[in-house]
Amino acid sequence: MTDFAVPSVARTIQGGPAGAQRPTLLVLSHLRWDFVTQRPQHLMTRAARDFDVIFFEEPLWDDAAAPGVDDRQRDGGIRVVQPLLPHGTDTAAAVDYQRGLLDRLVARVSGSLILWFYTPMALPFARHLAADLIVFDKMDELSAFQNAPPLLLALEQELLELADVVFTGGASMHEAAAHRHENIHCFPSSIDAAHFAKAREGGLDDPADQAGIAEPRIGFFGVIDERFDIGLLREVATAAPEMQFVMIGPVVKIDPASLPQAANIHWLGGKTYAELPAYLAGWHVGWMPFAINDATKFISPTKTPEFLAAGLAVVSTAIRDVVRPYGEAGLVEIAATRDETLTAFAKVLGRPRRDWLAAVDAHLAQGSWDKTWDAMRAQMNVILGGTTVPGREMADV
């Protein structure tokens, strides 16, 4: 095992009321802050109103001879800490280095400390920390994803035993996990409706890389990985050459060469969250061609309400958290095969929009990321009792 020196980590604290010390929320994440805007970004930018948020990511691997750390502030008051490790670093050394970084960070926390886990894989370097509250936000069934680490299930069970409160990212996941913790709450994907409503308000210029694409346009945005049904896209695009399929998002964990290529399929790459409304404004249908496999069994796609807020008709494969409630309420068309998909496209393209949009807006008005964060914070306050409780030692197993 290689011994690494741990660099000093400076702490940046946001100012609060005179004499008051803001609590620190230390987030341990498998997702990168700067990758795709998802649940963590929505929640933590709201958490930063009341907490000093430190977003601790999985290591970045590089060719440097020695380890390091990238520690920067992002918009919204989020501090993102990225361990930098040389290629070839063994597991034990990587764990020790990350443990050392966390120890330096926590040593500079004067107020209360809350640990917020997105991944159980952080436990080997974080289980020893003393915390006033431990939250597990189980947004995905990570064990079902491609290349999931063999230890993940055992570590998740340990995290469930340590956590004071568990949040789940969808109804189907909550149903499957409800018996595993006595204080578990369902918080499905929510919506920043005002952001996506820009797509239906008019006045947005068609982006340059989309402006030359003919209509009608069928669009998808999001991560393109093993959850994306490449075969269904190929079949549908082949059967409907008059339709244009606009695919936005980074390609990860699958070979880009496996993506279907055709004159009516347009791979535009990743776009920022701020850019999305302009693209969606030029689409006629939002499509979610998710594969039906272990990796999608418990997903609750954030893009479902985002498409709807943009005023787009939506067609999806039979993802359980899309069928309930969106499909059952008539807000989303569910289609599994090529023929069913083409029939669904024809239906929504010819459908009167007024009554459908009224139903969409009535549904979306029930939730928002602000409401979701407020409800999560309320559950945390129930445990804390409205006061700062002494930190407790977590077993160093």
Protein backbone atom coordinates (compact mmCIF):
# COMPACT_ATOMS: atom_id res chain seq x y z
CA MET A 1 0.00 0.00 0.00
CA THR A 2 1.25 3.49 -0.86
CA ASP A 3 1.26 6.14 1.88
CA PHE A 4 0.02 9.51 0.64
CA ALA A 5 0.41 12.82 2.38
CA VAL A 6 -2.92 14.59 2.73
CA PRO A 7 -2.84 18.27 1.76
CA SER A 8 -4.35 20.86 4.04
CA VAL A 9 -7.92 21.68 3.01
CA ALA A 10 -9.02 25.26 3.60
CA ARG A 11 -12.61 25.85 4.63
CA THR A 12 -14.86 28.52 3.15
CA ILE A 13 -17.79 29.46 5.39
CA GLN A 14 -20.74 31.53 4.31
CA GLY A 15 -21.66 34.31 6.70
CA GLY A 16 -24.68 33.96 8.97
CA PRO A 17 -26.31 35.97 11.76
CA ALA A 18 -23.89 37.52 14.24
CA GLY A 19 -22.82 34.93 16.79
CA ALA A 20 -24.47 32.07 14.88
CA GLN A 21 -22.61 29.18 13.27
CA ARG A 22 -24.20 27.65 10.21
CA PRO A 23 -24.35 23.85 10.24
CA THR A 24 -22.31 21.97 7.67
CA LEU A 25 -23.88 19.49 5.28
CA LEU A 26 -21.22 17.11 3.94
CA VAL A 27 -22.49 15.32 0.83
CA LEU A 28 -20.79 12.08 -0.25
CA SER A 29 -21.65 11.50 -3.90
CA HIS A 30 -21.01 9.13 -6.77
CA LEU A 31 -22.30 11.81 -9.17
CA ARG A 32 -20.24 14.79 -10.28
CA TRP A 33 -21.54 18.27 -9.61
CA ASP A 34 -20.50 19.51 -13.06
CA PHE A 35 -21.85 16.53 -15.04
CA VAL A 36 -25.64 16.67 -15.55
CA THR A 37 -28.08 18.66 -13.41
CA GLN A 38 -30.01 16.08 -11.43
CA ARG A 39 -31.56 15.57 -8.00
CA PRO A 40 -28.38 16.41 -5.99
CA GLN A 41 -27.91 19.77 -7.70
CA HIS A 42 -31.55 20.77 -7.20
CA LEU A 43 -31.57 19.81 -3.53
CA MET A 44 -28.14 21.04 -2.51
CA THR A 45 -28.51 24.50 -4.05
CA ARG A 46 -31.57 24.86 -1.82
CA ALA A 47 -29.79 23.38 1.18
CA ALA A 48 -27.06 26.00 0.74
CA ARG A 49 -29.51 28.67 1.91
CA ASP A 50 -29.21 27.26 5.44
CA PHE A 51 -26.10 25.06 5.43
CA ASP A 52 -22.47 25.24 4.40
CA VAL A 53 -22.62 22.54 1.73
CA ILE A 54 -19.48 20.54 0.93
CA PHE A 55 -20.00 18.21 -2.03
CA PHE A 56 -17.36 15.46 -1.82
CA GLU A 57 -17.04 13.51 -5.07
CA GLU A 58 -15.50 10.20 -6.03
CA PRO A 59 -11.82 10.54 -7.05
CA LEU A 60 -10.70 11.81 -10.40
CA TRP A 61 -7.93 9.63 -11.80
CA ASP A 62 -5.03 11.26 -13.63
CA ASP A 63 -1.41 10.76 -14.66
CA ALA A 64 0.10 12.90 -11.89
CA ALA A 65 2.84 11.33 -9.79
CA ALA A 66 1.24 12.37 -6.51
CA PRO A 67 -2.32 12.75 -5.27
CA GLY A 68 -3.97 16.11 -4.85
CA VAL A 69 -7.34 17.77 -4.40
CA ASP A 70 -9.45 20.18 -6.43
CA ASP A 71 -11.39 22.32 -3.94
CA ARG A 72 -13.51 25.07 -5.46
CA GLN A 73 -16.68 27.07 -4.93
CA ARG A 74 -19.47 26.66 -7.47
CA ASP A 75 -22.47 28.88 -8.13
CA GLY A 76 -25.06 28.75 -5.40
CA GLY A 77 -22.54 28.58 -2.59
CA ILE A 78 -21.64 24.92 -3.14
CA ARG A 79 -18.11 23.86 -2.29
CA VAL A 80 -17.03 20.92 -4.48
CA VAL A 81 -14.11 18.78 -3.33
CA GLN A 82 -12.61 16.32 -5.81
CA PRO A 83 -9.83 13.96 -4.70
CA LEU A 84 -7.19 13.56 -7.43
CA LEU A 85 -5.42 10.20 -7.51
CA PRO A 86 -2.78 8.75 -9.83
CA HIS A 87 -3.81 5.87 -12.08
CA GLY A 88 -2.91 2.57 -10.46
CA THR A 89 -3.52 3.68 -6.87
CA ASP A 90 -4.63 0.62 -4.92
CA THR A 91 -7.96 0.52 -3.10
CA ALA A 92 -6.56 0.72 0.43
CA ALA A 93 -4.42 3.74 -0.40
CA ALA A 94 -7.35 5.49 -2.08
CA VAL A 95 -9.53 4.89 0.98
CA ASP A 96 -6.84 6.19 3.35
CA TYR A 97 -6.31 9.30 1.26
CA GLN A 98 -10.00 10.15 1.10
CA ARG A 99 -10.36 9.50 4.82
CA GLY A 100 -7.55 11.95 5.46
CA LEU A 101 -9.17 14.59 3.28
CA LEU A 102 -12.47 14.22 5.11
CA ASP A 103 -10.74 14.41 8.49
CA ARG A 104 -9.13 17.72 7.49
CA LEU A 105 -12.45 19.07 6.28
CA VAL A 106 -14.40 18.03 9.36
CA ALA A 107 -11.71 19.32 11.73
CA ARG A 108 -12.54 22.82 10.53
CA VAL A 109 -16.29 22.48 11.11
CA SER A 110 -17.29 24.50 14.16
CA GLY A 111 -21.05 24.01 14.05
CA SER A 112 -23.12 20.86 13.78
CA LEU A 113 -22.34 18.32 11.07
CA ILE A 114 -24.81 16.42 8.89
CA LEU A 115 -23.64 13.61 6.62
CA TRP A 116 -25.69 13.16 3.45
CA PHE A 117 -24.89 9.97 1.53
CA TYR A 118 -25.72 9.37 -2.11
CA THR A 119 -23.49 6.31 -2.29
CA PRO A 120 -22.73 3.57 0.21
CA MET A 121 -19.30 3.27 -1.41
CA ALA A 122 -18.21 6.27 0.68
CA LEU A 123 -18.54 4.32 3.93
CA PRO A 124 -15.00 2.86 3.97
CA PHE A 125 -13.55 6.38 4.34
CA ALA A 126 -16.49 8.12 6.06
CA ARG A 127 -17.97 5.65 8.57
CA HIS A 128 -15.69 6.87 11.37
CA LEU A 129 -16.94 10.47 11.29
CA ALA A 130 -18.93 11.88 14.20
CA ALA A 131 -22.17 13.46 12.99
CA ASP A 132 -25.31 14.99 14.44
CA LEU A 133 -27.45 13.45 11.71
CA ILE A 134 -26.93 10.87 8.95
CA VAL A 135 -29.10 10.99 5.82
CA PHE A 136 -29.17 8.40 3.04
CA ASP A 137 -30.82 9.81 -0.09
CA LYS A 138 -31.32 6.62 -2.09
CA MET A 139 -32.01 8.19 -5.46
CA ASP A 140 -31.05 5.13 -7.55
CA GLU A 141 -30.70 1.38 -7.15
CA LEU A 142 -26.96 1.54 -7.73
CA SER A 143 -26.46 -2.20 -7.31
CA ALA A 144 -28.42 -2.76 -10.54
CA PHE A 145 -26.24 -0.46 -12.64
CA GLN A 146 -23.63 -1.73 -15.06
CA ASN A 147 -20.25 -2.43 -13.41
CA ALA A 148 -21.62 -2.02 -9.88
CA PRO A 149 -18.93 -2.81 -7.26
CA PRO A 150 -19.40 -6.24 -5.61
CA LEU A 151 -19.29 -4.70 -2.11
CA LEU A 152 -22.09 -2.24 -2.79
CA LEU A 153 -24.97 -4.30 -1.40
CA ALA A 154 -23.18 -5.06 1.87
CA LEU A 155 -22.18 -1.42 2.29
CA GLU A 156 -25.73 -0.29 1.57
CA GLN A 157 -27.03 -2.54 4.33
CA GLU A 158 -24.49 -1.02 6.71
CA LEU A 159 -25.51 2.48 5.66
CA LEU A 160 -29.18 1.66 6.24
CA GLU A 161 -28.28 0.58 9.77
CA LEU A 162 -26.33 3.79 10.41
CA ALA A 163 -28.71 6.30 8.80
CA ASP A 164 -31.13 8.29 10.95
CA VAL A 165 -33.44 8.91 7.99
CA VAL A 166 -33.69 7.50 4.46
CA PHE A 167 -35.19 9.24 1.44
CA THR A 168 -36.04 7.37 -1.77
CA GLY A 169 -36.11 8.79 -5.27
CA GLY A 170 -39.37 7.20 -6.35
CA ALA A 171 -42.45 5.25 -5.33
CA SER A 172 -41.35 1.85 -6.65
CA MET A 173 -38.02 2.10 -4.85
CA HIS A 174 -39.81 3.13 -1.66
CA GLU A 175 -42.10 0.11 -1.89
CA ALA A 176 -39.10 -2.20 -2.32
CA ALA A 177 -37.07 -0.64 0.52
CA ALA A 178 -39.75 0.36 3.04
CA HIS A 179 -39.15 -2.71 5.22
CA ARG A 180 -35.41 -2.02 5.43
CA HIS A 181 -35.58 1.10 7.62
CA GLU A 182 -37.98 2.39 10.24
CA ASN A 183 -37.72 6.02 9.12
CA ILE A 184 -37.93 6.01 5.31
CA HIS A 185 -39.76 8.58 3.17
CA CYS A 186 -40.58 8.78 -0.52
CA PHE A 187 -39.52 11.92 -2.40
CA PRO A 188 -39.96 11.34 -6.16
CA SER A 189 -38.39 13.47 -8.86
CA SER A 190 -39.68 17.02 -8.70
CA ILE A 191 -39.63 20.06 -10.95
CA ASP A 192 -38.36 23.58 -11.39
CA ALA A 193 -41.42 24.43 -13.46
CA ALA A 194 -40.48 28.05 -14.15
CA HIS A 195 -37.19 27.03 -15.75
CA PHE A 196 -38.74 24.60 -18.25
CA ALA A 197 -41.85 26.73 -18.84
CA LYS A 198 -39.56 29.07 -20.80
CA ALA A 199 -39.80 26.50 -23.61
CA ARG A 200 -43.52 27.15 -24.08
CA GLU A 201 -43.49 30.89 -23.49
CA GLY A 202 -41.89 31.72 -26.85
CA GLY A 203 -39.07 34.09 -27.70
CA LEU A 204 -36.22 31.55 -27.53
CA ASP A 205 -33.98 31.25 -30.56
CA ASP A 206 -33.52 27.78 -31.98
CA PRO A 207 -29.92 26.76 -31.10
CA ALA A 208 -27.53 26.78 -34.03
CA ASP A 209 -26.93 23.01 -34.03
CA GLN A 210 -30.68 22.34 -34.06
CA ALA A 211 -31.94 25.11 -36.34
CA GLY A 212 -31.28 23.16 -39.54
CA ILE A 213 -33.10 20.02 -38.41
CA ALA A 214 -36.45 19.44 -40.13
CA GLU A 215 -39.75 18.84 -38.33
CA PRO A 216 -41.46 17.16 -36.60
CA ARG A 217 -38.80 16.74 -33.95
CA ILE A 218 -38.88 13.99 -31.34
CA GLY A 219 -36.42 14.72 -28.53
CA PHE A 220 -34.61 13.12 -25.61
CA PHE A 221 -32.22 14.67 -23.11
CA GLY A 222 -30.28 12.97 -20.36
CA VAL A 223 -27.46 10.52 -19.80
CA ILE A 224 -27.21 7.97 -22.61
CA ASP A 225 -26.09 4.70 -21.04
CA GLU A 226 -27.24 1.11 -20.48
CA ARG A 227 -30.68 2.41 -19.51
CA PHE A 228 -31.29 3.77 -23.02
CA ASP A 229 -33.00 1.42 -25.51
CA ILE A 230 -30.74 1.81 -28.53
CA GLY A 231 -32.58 -0.91 -30.46
CA LEU A 232 -35.96 0.78 -30.05
CA LEU A 233 -34.56 4.08 -31.31
CA ARG A 234 -33.10 2.33 -34.37
CA GLU A 235 -36.39 0.57 -35.18
CA VAL A 236 -38.58 3.63 -34.73
CA ALA A 237 -36.28 5.97 -36.67
CA THR A 238 -36.08 3.47 -39.53
CA ALA A 239 -39.86 3.10 -39.65
CA ALA A 240 -40.50 6.87 -39.54
CA PRO A 241 -37.91 8.58 -41.77
CA GLU A 242 -40.05 11.74 -41.88
CA MET A 243 -39.56 12.25 -38.13
CA GLN A 244 -36.38 13.76 -36.76
CA PHE A 245 -34.91 12.35 -33.54
CA VAL A 246 -32.85 14.83 -31.52
CA MET A 247 -30.71 13.15 -28.85
CA ILE A 248 -29.06 15.35 -26.22
CA GLY A 249 -26.74 14.12 -23.50
CA PRO A 250 -23.36 12.57 -22.70
CA VAL A 251 -22.69 8.95 -23.68
CA VAL A 252 -21.29 6.92 -20.76
CA LYS A 253 -20.63 3.24 -20.01
CA ILE A 254 -21.59 2.17 -23.54
CA ASP A 255 -19.60 2.23 -26.77
CA PRO A 256 -20.52 5.35 -28.82
CA ALA A 257 -20.00 3.22 -31.92
CA SER A 258 -23.08 1.21 -30.89
CA LEU A 259 -25.38 4.22 -31.32
CA PRO A 260 -27.56 4.02 -34.44
CA GLN A 261 -26.62 6.42 -37.21
CA ALA A 262 -29.20 7.67 -39.70
CA ALA A 263 -30.12 10.85 -41.54
CA ASN A 264 -33.00 11.45 -39.12
CA ILE A 265 -31.09 10.75 -35.88
CA HIS A 266 -29.16 13.72 -34.53
CA TRP A 267 -26.67 13.24 -31.68
CA LEU A 268 -26.05 16.76 -30.33
CA GLY A 269 -23.98 15.88 -27.25
CA GLY A 270 -24.33 17.28 -23.76
CA LYS A 271 -25.95 20.65 -23.03
CA THR A 272 -26.10 22.73 -19.89
CA TYR A 273 -29.21 22.95 -17.75
CA ALA A 274 -29.58 26.60 -18.79
CA GLU A 275 -29.55 25.65 -22.48
CA LEU A 276 -32.24 22.96 -22.31
CA PRO A 277 -35.38 25.15 -22.62
CA ALA A 278 -34.20 26.54 -25.97
CA TYR A 279 -33.80 23.03 -27.37
CA LEU A 280 -37.10 21.77 -25.97
CA ALA A 281 -38.91 24.80 -27.41
CA GLY A 282 -38.18 23.41 -30.88
CA TRP A 283 -39.45 19.87 -30.19
CA HIS A 284 -42.91 18.42 -30.76
CA VAL A 285 -42.67 15.32 -28.56
CA GLY A 286 -40.50 14.38 -25.61
CA TRP A 287 -39.51 10.71 -25.81
CA MET A 288 -38.14 8.52 -23.03
CA PRO A 289 -37.02 5.27 -24.74
CA PHE A 290 -35.73 3.58 -21.61
CA ALA A 291 -34.81 -0.07 -21.78
CA ILE A 292 -36.73 -2.35 -19.44
CA ASN A 293 -33.93 -3.95 -17.43
CA ASP A 294 -32.52 -4.16 -13.91
CA ALA A 295 -30.98 -0.69 -14.18
CA THR A 296 -34.36 0.94 -14.90
CA LYS A 297 -36.51 -1.10 -12.52
CA PHE A 298 -36.64 1.62 -9.85
CA ILE A 299 -35.83 4.83 -11.74
CA SER A 300 -38.01 7.91 -11.39
CA PRO A 301 -36.94 10.05 -14.36
CA THR A 302 -36.65 13.73 -13.50
CA LYS A 303 -37.19 14.51 -17.17
CA THR A 304 -40.83 13.38 -16.99
CA PRO A 305 -42.10 16.51 -15.20
CA GLU A 306 -39.47 18.60 -17.02
CA PHE A 307 -40.85 17.62 -20.43
CA LEU A 308 -44.36 18.34 -19.19
CA ALA A 309 -43.44 21.73 -17.75
CA ALA A 310 -42.00 22.60 -21.17
CA GLY A 311 -45.44 21.89 -22.65
CA LEU A 312 -44.24 18.85 -24.58
CA ALA A 313 -46.33 15.76 -25.17
CA VAL A 314 -44.47 12.79 -23.71
CA VAL A 315 -44.13 9.18 -24.84
CA SER A 316 -42.31 6.69 -22.61
CA THR A 317 -41.61 3.02 -22.30
CA ALA A 318 -43.26 1.30 -19.34
CA ILE A 319 -41.11 2.58 -16.49
CA ARG A 320 -43.13 1.93 -13.32
CA ASP A 321 -42.69 5.40 -11.84
CA VAL A 322 -43.80 6.90 -15.16
CA VAL A 323 -46.81 4.61 -15.56
CA ARG A 324 -47.78 5.65 -12.02
CA PRO A 325 -48.88 8.41 -11.84
CA TYR A 326 -48.26 10.00 -15.26
CA GLY A 327 -49.53 7.26 -17.53
CA GLU A 328 -52.54 6.43 -15.39
CA ALA A 329 -53.49 10.12 -15.29
CA GLY A 330 -53.31 10.43 -19.08
CA LEU A 331 -50.40 12.88 -18.96
CA VAL A 332 -47.88 10.53 -20.64
CA GLU A 333 -48.43 7.91 -23.36
CA ILE A 334 -46.88 4.52 -22.57
CA ALA A 335 -45.50 2.55 -25.53
CA ALA A 336 -43.20 -0.48 -25.45
CA THR A 337 -42.71 -1.52 -29.09
CA ARG A 338 -41.94 0.18 -32.38
CA ASP A 339 -45.57 0.07 -33.52
CA GLU A 340 -46.94 1.21 -30.17
CA THR A 341 -44.47 4.10 -30.18
CA LEU A 342 -45.40 5.26 -33.66
CA THR A 343 -49.10 5.07 -32.74
CA ALA A 344 -48.42 7.12 -29.61
CA PHE A 345 -46.50 9.75 -31.61
CA ALA A 346 -49.41 10.09 -34.05
CA LYS A 347 -51.87 10.38 -31.18
CA VAL A 348 -50.08 13.15 -29.30
CA LEU A 349 -49.16 15.09 -32.44
CA GLY A 350 -52.85 15.26 -33.39
CA ARG A 351 -54.25 15.83 -29.91
CA PRO A 352 -55.88 19.13 -28.84
CA ARG A 353 -53.57 20.65 -26.26
CA ARG A 354 -55.75 22.93 -24.14
CA ASP A 355 -57.39 20.41 -21.80
CA TRP A 356 -54.25 18.25 -21.66
CA LEU A 357 -52.07 21.21 -20.68
CA ALA A 358 -54.56 22.22 -17.98
CA ALA A 359 -54.30 18.72 -16.49
CA VAL A 360 -50.51 18.84 -16.74
CA ASP A 361 -50.27 22.15 -14.93
CA ALA A 362 -52.67 21.03 -12.21
CA HIS A 363 -50.48 18.00 -11.57
CA LEU A 364 -47.19 19.90 -11.64
CA ALA A 365 -48.53 22.53 -9.23
CA GLN A 366 -48.58 19.89 -6.50
CA GLY A 367 -44.80 19.74 -6.29
CA SER A 368 -41.53 21.59 -6.73
CA TRP A 369 -37.92 21.16 -5.67
CA ASP A 370 -38.52 23.89 -3.08
CA LYS A 371 -41.37 21.86 -1.56
CA THR A 372 -39.29 18.68 -1.70
CA TRP A 373 -36.37 20.27 0.12
CA ASP A 374 -38.65 21.85 2.72
CA ALA A 375 -40.25 18.46 3.41
CA MET A 376 -36.85 16.76 3.68
CA ARG A 377 -35.63 19.47 6.03
CA ALA A 378 -38.76 18.97 8.15
CA GLN A 379 -37.95 15.27 8.51
CA MET A 380 -34.40 16.14 9.54
CA ASN A 381 -35.70 18.62 12.12
CA VAL A 382 -37.96 15.95 13.63
CA ILE A 383 -34.85 13.95 14.46
CA LEU A 384 -32.82 16.94 15.62
CA GLY A 385 -35.74 18.23 17.68
CA GLY A 386 -35.08 21.78 16.58
CA THR A 387 -31.77 21.86 18.45
CA THR A 388 -28.19 20.87 17.84
CA VAL A 389 -27.57 17.50 19.40
CA PRO A 390 -24.09 16.31 20.41
CA GLY A 391 -22.17 14.45 17.73
CA ARG A 392 -22.07 10.69 18.13
CA GLU A 393 -19.27 8.39 17.13
CA MET A 394 -19.91 6.00 14.28
CA ALA A 395 -18.27 2.62 14.61
CA ASP A 396 -15.02 2.28 12.68
CA VAL A 397 -15.67 -1.19 11.33
